[in-house]
Amino acid sequence: MLARMPAFAVLTALCAGLVSLLLAWATGGLSPSLINPDEGAHYVNSLFIGDWIRAGFPSPMAYAQTYYAHFPRLSIGHWPPGWYLVQSPVFALLRPSPLGALAISAVVAALPAGAIAWTFDRMGRRMLGLALALSYVALPLVSDSARYILLDQPVALAVALAAIAWMHASDAPQSRRFLLFALLAAAAVLIKGNGALIALVPAIDIALTGRWHLLRRPGLWIAAAVALMLVAPWYWLSFRISAGGFNYEPGLAYAALSLRANAAALFGNLGPAGITLALTGAVSAFRTTDVMETRIARLSLAVIASTLVFQAIVPAAIEPRYIAPMLPWMLVLIGIGLTALWRLRPVGRRLAVPAAMLAALPACLALASLAPKPDIGAPALGREMADTGGLWLVDGRAGGEGSLIAAAAYADRGAMRIWVGRASQWLSTSDFMGQDYRLAADTPDQVQAILDRLGTSGVVSAAERNALAFPHSRLLREAVVSDGYATSRRPFTRGNGTMMVARRIGRITPNPALIERNTGSANVGRMSAALD
């Protein structure tokens, strides 16, 4: 039976991944234009590592400096390399398009469901585990995450695997099991910073189970030291090159704000019925005689509490998706709560089914209201840029810029024949959070002079809902409506908006030295300086 359990969890996770992919497709979520600002950055980062491998492992810092000069990052953050390294073999071998990478992300979004299947397999309730795992796919946060290339679901998967490894290690303490937990915990932190919440799970779990003797085991502390040694170098480097501080100051006010936001996100995903069932499962964990049920419920509480506590004490952007690591474990508690109700014959059995239906209501309503993602036609525009070559400026909101950069990087196929610049880098100034916006050029003629100095071969400008993104967008469009450019306007492939494409008539030589001094590759330079 023990040998069959991992296979059941893995197969359930893969089945959930396929359902997630189908849901994303059916709801119009698989747009080849990566319109979330972070999506383009994640895709280009993964493509960079894949292209670096395909290039034969040249000097990484020099290659990065050159690569990001051609295809600049949009983000201000310094994401750890963990998830990119996991994806690197796929990107090196297959070099997926933005749409292909999005399809992979849609599958990965549902893989934490395997943890739900694993827990109920341990309790001997496979069918309940399968039903809850498939329900996980439909949760608003999960179904929305499946439509974007983001790191929240990968970190939820790593946290889930590390939590399972901790349960194995704490139930049957062995040095190799502690080490496995440490490696998975380090992986969670190296995927995304909030993966560090896994460090709180052992402490809370030990307190809930009363297994204080584990603190006397050298293997636990050796494993902790190993995890720290794996994680510390990256975060030391990241803090050295950090572009700015936290979005919020730590303290009681921030903690209260975080807890309120997380509570609202939980109610939005599970509804009052789901929260009530989870609380029922948590309470029953301290009253049932089922040893395995108690153990799994307390592990679930440890992960949930760790997520909430970490979010409350570490300042970061407050977004609903940051509760992703705790959602599988909330569904585990909901399943235990349903089991507890089912045991209360006959009243409990009459309540269990309608309670489960009410808990599923937020997911059903969210799926019914999912709108198709816009598609600005980035793949075709990326191919046009690559075929023309030279330097192209892209303009629009951050998501539009990122989508065009990602599409151009894919179409270039690692040749680095083209440079893509963000118009906002050259035509405006602002601080690292996008505040204090000021024009760097006041007239179309001044913009034209900048384009000539850069050696711009073409411009692509997005107008979402036919509204220009920035004041400089108007000046840019006026500058290229001249005898020197051939311009065309195209509607979004899907959604409300238009694209303006202006290609310079005749050839012009780009100015690589100027481009490389003033692109999103600045962080690479800071990293190199920090290492020196």
Protein backbone atom coordinates (compact mmCIF):
# COMPACT_ATOMS: atom_id res chain seq x y z
CA MET A 1 0.00 0.00 0.00
CA LEU A 2 2.82 2.42 0.82
CA ALA A 3 4.33 1.80 -2.59
CA ARG A 4 1.04 2.64 -4.31
CA MET A 5 0.36 5.89 -2.47
CA PRO A 6 2.88 8.13 -4.24
CA ALA A 7 1.66 6.84 -7.62
CA PHE A 8 -1.93 7.77 -6.73
CA ALA A 9 -0.91 11.27 -5.66
CA VAL A 10 1.22 11.81 -8.77
CA LEU A 11 -1.49 10.56 -11.13
CA THR A 12 -4.07 12.72 -9.39
CA ALA A 13 -1.80 15.76 -9.68
CA LEU A 14 -1.27 15.13 -13.41
CA CYS A 15 -5.00 14.65 -13.92
CA ALA A 16 -5.64 17.93 -12.09
CA GLY A 17 -3.01 19.61 -14.28
CA LEU A 18 -4.77 18.44 -17.43
CA VAL A 19 -8.13 19.70 -16.11
CA SER A 20 -6.49 23.03 -15.27
CA LEU A 21 -5.13 23.33 -18.81
CA LEU A 22 -8.55 22.52 -20.30
CA LEU A 23 -10.27 25.06 -18.04
CA ALA A 24 -7.78 27.76 -19.02
CA TRP A 25 -8.40 26.97 -22.69
CA ALA A 26 -12.20 26.82 -22.31
CA THR A 27 -12.35 30.18 -20.52
CA GLY A 28 -10.12 31.98 -23.03
CA GLY A 29 -7.20 32.14 -20.63
CA LEU A 30 -4.51 30.83 -23.01
CA SER A 31 -3.57 34.10 -24.69
CA PRO A 32 -0.22 34.06 -26.54
CA SER A 33 0.22 37.70 -25.47
CA LEU A 34 1.61 37.68 -21.91
CA ILE A 35 -0.21 40.74 -20.60
CA ASN A 36 0.67 40.53 -16.92
CA PRO A 37 3.81 42.63 -16.30
CA ASP A 38 5.54 39.78 -14.46
CA GLU A 39 4.75 37.21 -17.15
CA GLY A 40 7.06 38.72 -19.74
CA ALA A 41 9.87 38.94 -17.19
CA HIS A 42 9.44 35.32 -16.07
CA TYR A 43 9.35 34.10 -19.66
CA VAL A 44 12.43 36.06 -20.73
CA ASN A 45 14.34 34.88 -17.64
CA SER A 46 13.57 31.24 -18.46
CA LEU A 47 14.36 31.77 -22.12
CA PHE A 48 17.66 33.40 -21.16
CA ILE A 49 18.81 30.31 -19.24
CA GLY A 50 17.63 28.00 -22.03
CA ASP A 51 19.44 30.04 -24.68
CA TRP A 52 22.55 30.22 -22.49
CA ILE A 53 22.62 26.42 -22.33
CA ARG A 54 22.04 26.16 -26.08
CA ALA A 55 24.90 28.60 -26.63
CA GLY A 56 27.29 26.21 -24.87
CA PHE A 57 27.51 27.75 -21.36
CA PRO A 58 29.45 30.95 -22.16
CA SER A 59 30.48 33.35 -19.38
CA PRO A 60 27.14 33.79 -17.56
CA MET A 61 27.51 37.43 -16.47
CA ALA A 62 28.71 38.63 -19.87
CA TYR A 63 25.98 36.64 -21.61
CA ALA A 64 23.33 38.01 -19.24
CA GLN A 65 24.53 41.59 -19.78
CA THR A 66 24.24 41.15 -23.54
CA TYR A 67 20.96 39.22 -23.43
CA TYR A 68 19.08 41.70 -21.25
CA ALA A 69 20.38 44.57 -23.35
CA HIS A 70 18.55 42.96 -26.27
CA PHE A 71 15.47 41.90 -24.28
CA PRO A 72 15.17 43.97 -21.07
CA ARG A 73 13.47 42.79 -17.92
CA LEU A 74 10.38 44.67 -16.81
CA SER A 75 10.43 43.79 -13.13
CA ILE A 76 12.07 45.67 -10.29
CA GLY A 77 12.34 42.49 -8.21
CA HIS A 78 15.11 39.93 -8.06
CA TRP A 79 13.38 36.58 -8.26
CA PRO A 80 15.50 33.66 -7.11
CA PRO A 81 16.74 31.27 -9.80
CA GLY A 82 15.08 28.11 -8.47
CA TRP A 83 12.10 27.81 -10.81
CA TYR A 84 14.09 28.96 -13.83
CA LEU A 85 16.64 26.21 -13.17
CA VAL A 86 13.84 23.62 -12.97
CA GLN A 87 12.49 24.81 -16.32
CA SER A 88 15.88 25.25 -17.98
CA PRO A 89 16.07 21.74 -19.53
CA VAL A 90 12.65 22.25 -21.11
CA PHE A 91 13.60 25.66 -22.47
CA ALA A 92 16.97 24.40 -23.68
CA LEU A 93 15.53 21.37 -25.47
CA LEU A 94 12.14 22.61 -26.67
CA ARG A 95 12.40 26.41 -26.48
CA PRO A 96 8.63 26.81 -25.95
CA SER A 97 6.82 29.86 -27.28
CA PRO A 98 5.07 32.20 -24.83
CA LEU A 99 1.88 30.23 -25.47
CA GLY A 100 3.69 26.94 -24.83
CA ALA A 101 5.16 28.29 -21.60
CA LEU A 102 1.70 29.46 -20.55
CA ALA A 103 0.31 25.97 -21.17
CA ILE A 104 3.06 24.52 -18.96
CA SER A 105 2.22 27.07 -16.29
CA ALA A 106 -1.48 26.12 -16.47
CA VAL A 107 -0.59 22.50 -15.73
CA VAL A 108 1.79 23.43 -12.91
CA ALA A 109 -0.90 25.61 -11.30
CA ALA A 110 -2.88 22.50 -10.37
CA LEU A 111 -0.04 20.22 -9.27
CA PRO A 112 -0.38 21.14 -5.54
CA ALA A 113 -3.61 19.14 -5.72
CA GLY A 114 -1.38 16.07 -5.45
CA ALA A 115 -0.76 16.95 -1.80
CA ILE A 116 -4.51 16.74 -1.15
CA ALA A 117 -4.66 13.32 -2.80
CA TRP A 118 -1.65 12.18 -0.76
CA THR A 119 -3.22 13.15 2.58
CA PHE A 120 -6.52 11.38 1.94
CA ASP A 121 -4.72 8.35 0.58
CA ARG A 122 -2.92 8.16 3.92
CA MET A 123 -6.30 8.31 5.66
CA GLY A 124 -7.76 5.60 3.41
CA ARG A 125 -10.26 7.93 1.66
CA ARG A 126 -9.02 8.04 -1.90
CA MET A 127 -12.29 9.04 -3.57
CA LEU A 128 -12.77 11.99 -1.24
CA GLY A 129 -9.18 13.01 -1.90
CA LEU A 130 -9.70 12.77 -5.67
CA ALA A 131 -12.87 14.88 -5.49
CA LEU A 132 -11.17 17.56 -3.38
CA ALA A 133 -8.06 17.57 -5.59
CA LEU A 134 -10.19 18.25 -8.66
CA SER A 135 -12.15 20.88 -6.72
CA TYR A 136 -8.85 22.61 -5.98
CA VAL A 137 -8.42 23.28 -9.71
CA ALA A 138 -11.65 25.29 -9.78
CA LEU A 139 -10.80 27.59 -6.84
CA PRO A 140 -10.84 31.22 -8.04
CA LEU A 141 -7.20 31.82 -7.14
CA VAL A 142 -6.02 28.59 -8.78
CA SER A 143 -8.09 28.92 -11.96
CA ASP A 144 -6.90 32.53 -12.30
CA SER A 145 -3.26 31.54 -11.69
CA ALA A 146 -3.53 28.97 -14.49
CA ARG A 147 -4.00 31.84 -16.95
CA TYR A 148 -0.68 33.54 -16.14
CA ILE A 149 3.02 32.69 -15.91
CA LEU A 150 3.63 33.47 -12.24
CA LEU A 151 5.58 31.83 -9.41
CA ASP A 152 2.84 31.53 -6.78
CA GLN A 153 1.69 28.04 -7.75
CA PRO A 154 5.23 26.62 -8.13
CA VAL A 155 6.06 27.89 -4.64
CA ALA A 156 2.80 26.35 -3.34
CA LEU A 157 3.91 23.03 -4.86
CA ALA A 158 7.37 23.24 -3.29
CA VAL A 159 5.89 24.14 0.12
CA ALA A 160 3.47 21.20 -0.12
CA LEU A 161 6.26 18.74 -0.95
CA ALA A 162 8.43 20.11 1.87
CA ALA A 163 5.52 19.82 4.34
CA ILE A 164 4.99 16.18 3.37
CA ALA A 165 8.73 15.56 3.79
CA TRP A 166 8.56 17.17 7.23
CA MET A 167 5.72 14.86 8.26
CA HIS A 168 7.75 11.83 7.21
CA ALA A 169 10.80 13.14 9.07
CA SER A 170 8.97 14.05 12.28
CA ASP A 171 6.97 10.81 12.40
CA ALA A 172 10.06 8.62 11.91
CA PRO A 173 13.12 10.80 12.65
CA GLN A 174 16.13 10.00 10.51
CA SER A 175 18.94 12.25 9.33
CA ARG A 176 18.28 11.54 5.65
CA ARG A 177 14.62 12.47 6.06
CA PHE A 178 15.51 15.74 7.75
CA LEU A 179 17.94 16.40 4.91
CA LEU A 180 15.25 15.75 2.28
CA PHE A 181 13.00 18.25 4.05
CA ALA A 182 15.84 20.78 4.11
CA LEU A 183 16.45 20.41 0.37
CA LEU A 184 12.76 20.85 -0.46
CA ALA A 185 12.50 23.80 1.93
CA ALA A 186 15.50 25.44 0.25
CA ALA A 187 13.85 24.82 -3.13
CA ALA A 188 10.71 26.64 -1.94
CA VAL A 189 12.73 29.68 -0.86
CA LEU A 190 14.76 29.66 -4.08
CA ILE A 191 11.57 29.73 -6.15
CA LYS A 192 10.13 32.78 -4.43
CA GLY A 193 10.86 34.68 -1.25
CA ASN A 194 7.58 33.86 0.51
CA GLY A 195 8.56 30.20 0.27
CA ALA A 196 10.54 30.98 3.46
CA LEU A 197 7.27 30.39 5.35
CA ILE A 198 8.22 26.70 5.30
CA ALA A 199 10.81 27.49 8.01
CA LEU A 200 7.94 28.11 10.44
CA VAL A 201 6.20 24.78 9.75
CA PRO A 202 8.48 22.58 11.92
CA ALA A 203 8.22 24.93 14.91
CA ILE A 204 4.42 25.19 14.75
CA ASP A 205 4.00 21.48 14.04
CA ILE A 206 6.22 20.55 16.99
CA ALA A 207 4.16 22.82 19.23
CA LEU A 208 0.87 21.31 18.02
CA THR A 209 2.04 17.70 18.35
CA GLY A 210 4.14 18.13 21.50
CA ARG A 211 7.15 16.45 19.89
CA TRP A 212 9.71 18.60 21.68
CA HIS A 213 12.22 15.76 21.64
CA LEU A 214 12.83 16.51 17.94
CA LEU A 215 14.67 19.67 18.98
CA ARG A 216 17.34 17.51 20.60
CA ARG A 217 18.15 15.65 17.38
CA PRO A 218 21.40 16.82 15.72
CA GLY A 219 20.08 15.75 12.32
CA LEU A 220 17.41 18.46 12.45
CA TRP A 221 19.91 21.25 13.06
CA ILE A 222 22.37 19.90 10.50
CA ALA A 223 19.56 19.90 7.94
CA ALA A 224 18.66 23.48 8.90
CA ALA A 225 22.28 24.53 8.37
CA VAL A 226 22.32 22.87 4.94
CA ALA A 227 19.15 24.73 3.92
CA LEU A 228 20.59 28.02 5.13
CA MET A 229 23.83 27.49 3.20
CA LEU A 230 21.85 26.81 0.01
CA VAL A 231 19.61 29.84 0.37
CA ALA A 232 21.85 32.50 1.94
CA PRO A 233 24.16 33.26 -1.04
CA TRP A 234 21.32 34.23 -3.35
CA TYR A 235 19.59 36.45 -0.80
CA TRP A 236 22.86 38.09 0.20
CA LEU A 237 23.39 38.91 -3.46
CA SER A 238 19.78 40.02 -3.92
CA PHE A 239 19.92 42.45 -1.01
CA ARG A 240 23.21 43.84 -2.37
CA ILE A 241 21.61 44.73 -5.69
CA SER A 242 18.13 45.55 -4.41
CA ALA A 243 16.51 48.44 -6.24
CA GLY A 244 14.47 49.53 -3.23
CA GLY A 245 12.87 48.58 0.04
CA PHE A 246 9.66 46.85 1.04
CA ASN A 247 6.30 48.17 -0.07
CA TYR A 248 5.16 48.36 3.56
CA GLU A 249 6.83 48.93 6.89
CA PRO A 250 6.64 45.99 9.31
CA GLY A 251 4.66 46.36 12.51
CA LEU A 252 1.26 45.80 14.06
CA ALA A 253 -0.53 47.99 11.54
CA TYR A 254 0.92 46.04 8.64
CA ALA A 255 0.18 42.71 10.37
CA ALA A 256 -3.46 43.68 10.87
CA LEU A 257 -3.75 44.82 7.25
CA SER A 258 -2.20 41.57 6.04
CA LEU A 259 -4.47 39.36 8.14
CA ARG A 260 -7.59 41.21 6.99
CA ALA A 261 -6.55 40.92 3.36
CA ASN A 262 -5.77 37.22 3.70
CA ALA A 263 -9.07 36.56 5.46
CA ALA A 264 -10.91 38.30 2.63
CA ALA A 265 -9.00 36.23 0.06
CA LEU A 266 -9.88 33.01 1.88
CA PHE A 267 -13.57 33.89 2.03
CA GLY A 268 -13.47 34.80 -1.64
CA ASN A 269 -12.08 31.37 -2.53
CA LEU A 270 -13.90 29.13 -0.07
CA GLY A 271 -16.93 31.11 1.08
CA PRO A 272 -18.49 30.97 4.56
CA ALA A 273 -19.42 27.29 4.11
CA GLY A 274 -15.87 26.32 3.17
CA ILE A 275 -14.36 28.25 6.08
CA THR A 276 -16.88 26.66 8.49
CA LEU A 277 -16.05 23.17 7.23
CA ALA A 278 -12.31 23.89 7.58
CA LEU A 279 -12.84 25.06 11.18
CA THR A 280 -14.86 21.90 11.82
CA GLY A 281 -11.98 19.83 10.47
CA ALA A 282 -9.48 21.72 12.65
CA VAL A 283 -11.55 21.15 15.80
CA SER A 284 -12.19 17.49 15.05
CA ALA A 285 -8.43 16.95 14.68
CA PHE A 286 -8.11 17.36 18.45
CA ARG A 287 -11.06 15.10 19.27
CA THR A 288 -10.98 12.17 16.84
CA THR A 289 -9.43 8.81 17.68
CA ASP A 290 -8.11 8.44 14.11
CA VAL A 291 -4.37 8.93 14.59
CA MET A 292 -3.58 9.60 10.93
CA GLU A 293 -6.43 12.08 10.58
CA THR A 294 -5.18 13.95 13.63
CA ARG A 295 -1.63 14.00 12.34
CA ILE A 296 -2.57 15.29 8.91
CA ALA A 297 -4.95 17.92 10.30
CA ARG A 298 -2.22 19.27 12.58
CA LEU A 299 0.24 19.39 9.69
CA SER A 300 -2.38 21.31 7.70
CA LEU A 301 -2.81 23.77 10.57
CA ALA A 302 0.96 24.23 10.74
CA VAL A 303 1.19 25.15 7.03
CA ILE A 304 -1.84 27.47 7.23
CA ALA A 305 -0.57 29.21 10.36
CA SER A 306 2.92 29.53 8.87
CA THR A 307 1.53 31.22 5.76
CA LEU A 308 -0.53 33.72 7.75
CA VAL A 309 2.23 34.48 10.26
CA PHE A 310 4.89 34.91 7.58
CA GLN A 311 2.65 37.22 5.58
CA ALA A 312 1.93 39.27 8.71
CA ILE A 313 5.55 39.79 9.77
CA VAL A 314 7.37 40.13 6.42
CA PRO A 315 6.42 43.26 4.44
CA ALA A 316 5.51 42.58 0.82
CA ALA A 317 2.82 43.41 -1.69
CA ILE A 318 -0.54 42.36 -0.27
CA GLU A 319 -2.21 40.32 -2.97
CA PRO A 320 -4.72 37.42 -2.76
CA ARG A 321 -2.36 35.09 -4.66
CA TYR A 322 0.10 35.13 -1.74
CA ILE A 323 -2.16 32.73 0.18
CA ALA A 324 -1.56 30.06 -2.49
CA PRO A 325 0.67 27.85 -0.26
CA MET A 326 -2.13 27.35 2.28
CA LEU A 327 -5.01 26.60 -0.10
CA PRO A 328 -4.33 22.84 -0.57
CA TRP A 329 -4.23 22.46 3.20
CA MET A 330 -7.47 24.38 3.64
CA LEU A 331 -9.11 21.83 1.35
CA VAL A 332 -7.60 19.04 3.44
CA LEU A 333 -9.27 20.51 6.53
CA ILE A 334 -12.53 20.90 4.59
CA GLY A 335 -12.37 17.21 3.70
CA ILE A 336 -11.74 16.28 7.33
CA GLY A 337 -14.64 18.54 8.34
CA LEU A 338 -16.93 16.75 5.87
CA THR A 339 -15.79 13.42 7.28
CA ALA A 340 -16.58 14.61 10.80
CA LEU A 341 -20.05 15.70 9.69
CA TRP A 342 -20.63 12.36 7.97
CA ARG A 343 -19.94 10.58 11.24
CA LEU A 344 -22.79 12.45 12.97
CA ARG A 345 -25.63 10.21 11.90
CA PRO A 346 -28.26 10.95 10.67
CA VAL A 347 -28.24 14.76 10.91
CA GLY A 348 -24.60 15.17 9.90
CA ARG A 349 -25.03 13.13 6.73
CA ARG A 350 -27.99 15.29 5.71
CA LEU A 351 -25.85 18.40 6.19
CA ALA A 352 -22.64 17.16 4.55
CA VAL A 353 -23.81 17.25 0.93
CA PRO A 354 -25.42 20.73 0.97
CA ALA A 355 -22.43 22.04 2.95
CA ALA A 356 -20.06 20.73 0.28
CA MET A 357 -22.19 22.30 -2.47
CA LEU A 358 -22.20 25.67 -0.69
CA ALA A 359 -18.42 25.48 -0.27
CA ALA A 360 -18.08 24.90 -4.03
CA LEU A 361 -20.32 27.87 -4.90
CA PRO A 362 -17.58 30.58 -4.98
CA ALA A 363 -15.55 28.48 -7.42
CA CYS A 364 -18.54 27.88 -9.70
CA LEU A 365 -19.46 31.57 -9.74
CA ALA A 366 -15.85 32.60 -10.40
CA LEU A 367 -15.49 30.16 -13.31
CA ALA A 368 -18.75 31.39 -14.83
CA SER A 369 -17.54 34.99 -14.75
CA LEU A 370 -14.01 34.49 -16.10
CA ALA A 371 -13.53 36.75 -19.09
CA PRO A 372 -11.16 35.85 -21.95
CA LYS A 373 -7.69 37.36 -21.67
CA PRO A 374 -6.87 40.09 -24.17
CA ASP A 375 -4.51 39.25 -27.01
CA ILE A 376 -2.64 42.14 -28.60
CA GLY A 377 -1.26 39.94 -31.39
CA ALA A 378 2.22 39.81 -29.90
CA PRO A 379 3.46 36.65 -31.73
CA ALA A 380 2.97 38.18 -35.20
CA LEU A 381 4.48 41.49 -34.08
CA GLY A 382 7.46 39.67 -32.55
CA ARG A 383 8.09 37.87 -35.83
CA GLU A 384 7.87 41.15 -37.72
CA MET A 385 10.45 42.73 -35.42
CA ALA A 386 12.77 39.74 -35.75
CA ASP A 387 12.45 39.66 -39.55
CA THR A 388 13.23 43.37 -39.82
CA GLY A 389 16.08 43.34 -37.31
CA GLY A 390 17.73 46.35 -35.67
CA LEU A 391 16.32 48.24 -32.70
CA TRP A 392 12.58 48.41 -31.97
CA LEU A 393 10.91 50.53 -29.32
CA VAL A 394 7.78 49.10 -27.69
CA ASP A 395 5.27 51.30 -25.93
CA GLY A 396 2.22 50.68 -23.78
CA ARG A 397 1.30 49.56 -20.32
CA ALA A 398 3.81 47.26 -18.63
CA GLY A 399 1.93 44.13 -19.66
CA GLY A 400 1.87 45.16 -23.31
CA GLU A 401 5.58 46.00 -23.28
CA GLY A 402 6.43 42.71 -21.61
CA SER A 403 4.32 40.73 -24.06
CA LEU A 404 6.10 42.29 -27.03
CA ILE A 405 9.56 41.79 -25.49
CA ALA A 406 8.75 38.11 -24.80
CA ALA A 407 7.40 37.58 -28.33
CA ALA A 408 10.44 39.24 -29.91
CA ALA A 409 12.87 37.22 -27.77
CA TYR A 410 11.18 33.99 -28.88
CA ALA A 411 11.08 35.02 -32.54
CA ASP A 412 14.79 35.96 -32.45
CA ARG A 413 15.63 32.29 -31.64
CA GLY A 414 18.71 33.11 -29.62
CA ALA A 415 20.49 34.91 -32.47
CA MET A 416 20.30 38.31 -30.74
CA ARG A 417 19.86 40.04 -34.09
CA ILE A 418 17.48 42.60 -32.64
CA TRP A 419 17.28 44.95 -29.70
CA VAL A 420 13.99 45.75 -28.01
CA GLY A 421 13.79 48.94 -25.99
CA ARG A 422 10.98 50.24 -23.82
CA ALA A 423 9.84 53.68 -24.93
CA SER A 424 9.33 54.67 -21.29
CA GLN A 425 13.08 54.19 -20.69
CA TRP A 426 13.96 56.82 -23.27
CA LEU A 427 11.03 59.22 -23.36
CA SER A 428 10.25 59.61 -19.66
CA THR A 429 11.83 59.50 -16.22
CA SER A 430 10.43 58.06 -12.98
CA ASP A 431 11.60 56.39 -9.79
CA PHE A 432 11.83 52.61 -9.42
CA MET A 433 8.16 52.31 -8.38
CA GLY A 434 6.99 54.27 -11.43
CA GLN A 435 6.24 57.41 -9.45
CA ASP A 436 7.25 61.02 -10.19
CA TYR A 437 6.69 60.60 -13.93
CA ARG A 438 8.25 63.31 -16.12
CA LEU A 439 8.68 63.65 -19.88
CA ALA A 440 12.23 63.41 -21.20
CA ALA A 441 11.13 64.94 -24.53
CA ASP A 442 8.54 67.67 -24.97
CA THR A 443 7.88 67.65 -28.71
CA PRO A 444 7.59 65.12 -31.55
CA ASP A 445 10.77 66.57 -33.07
CA GLN A 446 12.68 65.91 -29.85
CA VAL A 447 11.33 62.34 -29.83
CA GLN A 448 12.40 61.94 -33.45
CA ALA A 449 15.90 63.07 -32.52
CA ILE A 450 16.04 60.40 -29.77
CA LEU A 451 14.87 57.72 -32.23
CA ASP A 452 17.53 58.77 -34.72
CA ARG A 453 20.22 58.78 -32.03
CA LEU A 454 19.22 55.28 -30.97
CA GLY A 455 19.03 54.08 -34.55
CA THR A 456 15.45 52.86 -34.20
CA SER A 457 14.22 50.54 -36.96
CA GLY A 458 10.62 50.56 -35.82
CA VAL A 459 8.06 51.29 -33.12
CA VAL A 460 5.16 49.24 -31.78
CA SER A 461 2.66 51.10 -29.60
CA ALA A 462 -0.34 49.58 -27.80
CA ALA A 463 -3.50 51.53 -26.92
CA GLU A 464 -5.69 49.51 -24.56
CA ARG A 465 -9.35 50.47 -24.96
CA ASN A 466 -8.00 52.93 -27.50
CA ALA A 467 -6.43 55.01 -24.72
CA LEU A 468 -2.71 55.75 -24.84
CA ALA A 469 -0.71 54.47 -21.88
CA PHE A 470 1.43 57.56 -21.16
CA PRO A 471 1.81 61.20 -22.23
CA HIS A 472 4.97 60.21 -24.12
CA SER A 473 2.92 57.69 -26.12
CA ARG A 474 1.18 60.52 -27.97
CA LEU A 475 4.49 62.23 -28.75
CA LEU A 476 5.96 58.94 -29.97
CA ARG A 477 3.06 58.32 -32.34
CA GLU A 478 3.21 61.86 -33.68
CA ALA A 479 6.97 61.51 -34.23
CA VAL A 480 6.69 58.43 -36.43
CA VAL A 481 3.78 59.70 -38.53
CA SER A 482 6.23 61.18 -41.01
CA ASP A 483 7.78 60.47 -44.36
CA GLY A 484 10.50 58.39 -42.71
CA TYR A 485 8.16 55.64 -41.42
CA ALA A 486 5.53 53.34 -42.88
CA THR A 487 2.74 53.08 -40.28
CA SER A 488 -0.26 50.81 -39.85
CA ARG A 489 -2.94 50.30 -37.20
CA ARG A 490 -4.26 46.91 -36.21
CA PRO A 491 -7.00 45.93 -33.75
CA PHE A 492 -6.18 43.62 -30.85
CA THR A 493 -6.57 39.99 -31.84
CA ARG A 494 -8.91 39.69 -28.85
CA GLY A 495 -10.08 42.47 -26.62
CA ASN A 496 -10.64 46.19 -26.96
CA GLY A 497 -7.62 48.08 -28.26
CA THR A 498 -5.38 48.88 -31.20
CA MET A 499 -1.73 48.48 -32.10
CA MET A 500 0.24 51.00 -34.12
CA VAL A 501 3.26 49.64 -36.00
CA ALA A 502 5.76 52.06 -37.58
CA ARG A 503 8.65 50.67 -39.60
CA ARG A 504 11.44 52.98 -40.73
CA ILE A 505 11.75 53.28 -44.48
CA GLY A 506 15.31 52.33 -45.34
CA ARG A 507 18.03 50.95 -43.08
CA ILE A 508 19.56 52.57 -40.04
CA THR A 509 22.38 51.35 -37.81
CA PRO A 510 21.40 50.81 -34.15
CA ASN A 511 23.55 52.28 -31.39
CA PRO A 512 24.41 49.24 -29.22
CA ALA A 513 26.70 51.14 -26.83
CA LEU A 514 23.96 53.61 -25.95
CA ILE A 515 21.37 50.83 -25.64
CA GLU A 516 23.47 48.67 -23.31
CA ARG A 517 24.19 51.59 -20.97
CA ASN A 518 20.51 52.40 -20.54
CA THR A 519 18.49 49.17 -20.49
CA GLY A 520 16.90 46.81 -18.02
CA SER A 521 20.21 44.95 -17.87
CA ALA A 522 21.30 47.38 -15.16
CA ASN A 523 20.50 44.78 -12.51
CA VAL A 524 22.93 42.40 -14.18
CA GLY A 525 25.62 45.05 -13.87
CA ARG A 526 24.80 45.50 -10.20
CA MET A 527 24.98 41.75 -9.69
CA SER A 528 28.39 41.61 -11.34
CA ALA A 529 29.60 44.49 -9.16
CA ALA A 530 28.26 42.80 -6.04
CA LEU A 531 30.14 39.60 -6.88
CA ASP A 532 33.33 41.59 -7.44
